[in-house]
Amino acid sequence: MIVLAVKVNRYKCGYCGGCVAVCKETAIDLVEAFIEIDDEKCTSCRKCERFCPVGALEVIS
């Protein structure tokens, strides 16, 4: 079984919160000026990765 995780490039991220809005699993939170991802809730659906307008999110194995 391949385990995937979401990596946030903090230099690219504009903290718009779009990824939070598209995450149906509520695995992403915008806390102050940081994106936090709950790996236990994340299903690696890649919606956040596809939605991000600046390409700051990447699903990795």
Protein backbone atom coordinates (compact mmCIF):
# COMPACT_ATOMS: atom_id res chain seq x y z
CA MET A 1 0.00 0.00 0.00
CA ILE A 2 1.32 3.41 -0.98
CA VAL A 3 0.94 6.13 1.63
CA LEU A 4 0.58 9.64 0.24
CA ALA A 5 0.97 12.95 2.04
CA VAL A 6 0.41 16.58 1.10
CA LYS A 7 3.44 18.86 1.16
CA VAL A 8 2.99 22.63 1.40
CA ASN A 9 5.58 24.92 -0.19
CA ARG A 10 5.41 27.85 2.25
CA TYR A 11 7.36 30.08 -0.15
CA LYS A 12 4.72 29.73 -2.86
CA CYS A 13 1.60 29.63 -0.66
CA GLY A 14 -0.39 32.86 -0.53
CA TYR A 15 -2.60 31.53 2.31
CA CYS A 16 -5.77 32.23 0.33
CA GLY A 17 -7.63 29.37 2.02
CA GLY A 18 -8.88 27.87 -1.23
CA CYS A 19 -7.50 24.45 -0.37
CA VAL A 20 -9.38 24.57 2.93
CA ALA A 21 -12.62 25.23 1.07
CA VAL A 22 -12.24 22.35 -1.42
CA CYS A 23 -11.20 19.72 1.16
CA LYS A 24 -14.29 17.57 1.77
CA GLU A 25 -12.50 15.67 4.55
CA THR A 26 -11.76 18.89 6.53
CA ALA A 27 -8.14 17.77 6.65
CA ILE A 28 -6.72 21.25 5.93
CA ASP A 29 -6.83 24.22 8.29
CA LEU A 30 -5.57 27.76 7.89
CA VAL A 31 -4.06 28.61 11.26
CA GLU A 32 -2.79 32.17 11.53
CA ALA A 33 -0.34 32.29 8.60
CA PHE A 34 0.18 28.55 8.12
CA ILE A 35 -1.58 25.71 6.34
CA GLU A 36 -1.89 22.65 8.57
CA ILE A 37 -2.78 19.26 7.12
CA ASP A 38 -4.14 16.41 9.22
CA ASP A 39 -2.58 13.33 7.59
CA GLU A 40 -5.04 11.04 9.37
CA LYS A 41 -8.04 12.77 7.76
CA CYS A 42 -6.46 13.29 4.34
CA THR A 43 -7.53 10.76 1.70
CA SER A 44 -5.00 11.99 -0.91
CA CYS A 45 -7.78 12.90 -3.34
CA ARG A 46 -5.57 15.66 -4.82
CA LYS A 47 -8.41 18.23 -4.95
CA CYS A 48 -6.32 20.75 -3.01
CA GLU A 49 -3.32 20.16 -5.28
CA ARG A 50 -5.41 20.74 -8.42
CA PHE A 51 -7.19 23.78 -6.95
CA CYS A 52 -4.15 25.70 -5.68
CA PRO A 53 -3.68 28.71 -7.99
CA VAL A 54 0.05 28.99 -7.26
CA GLY A 55 0.99 25.31 -7.17
CA ALA A 56 2.01 25.36 -3.50
CA LEU A 57 0.55 21.92 -2.68
CA GLU A 58 2.00 18.62 -3.81
CA VAL A 59 0.84 15.10 -3.01
CA ILE A 60 3.91 12.96 -2.42
CA SER A 61 4.58 9.34 -1.52
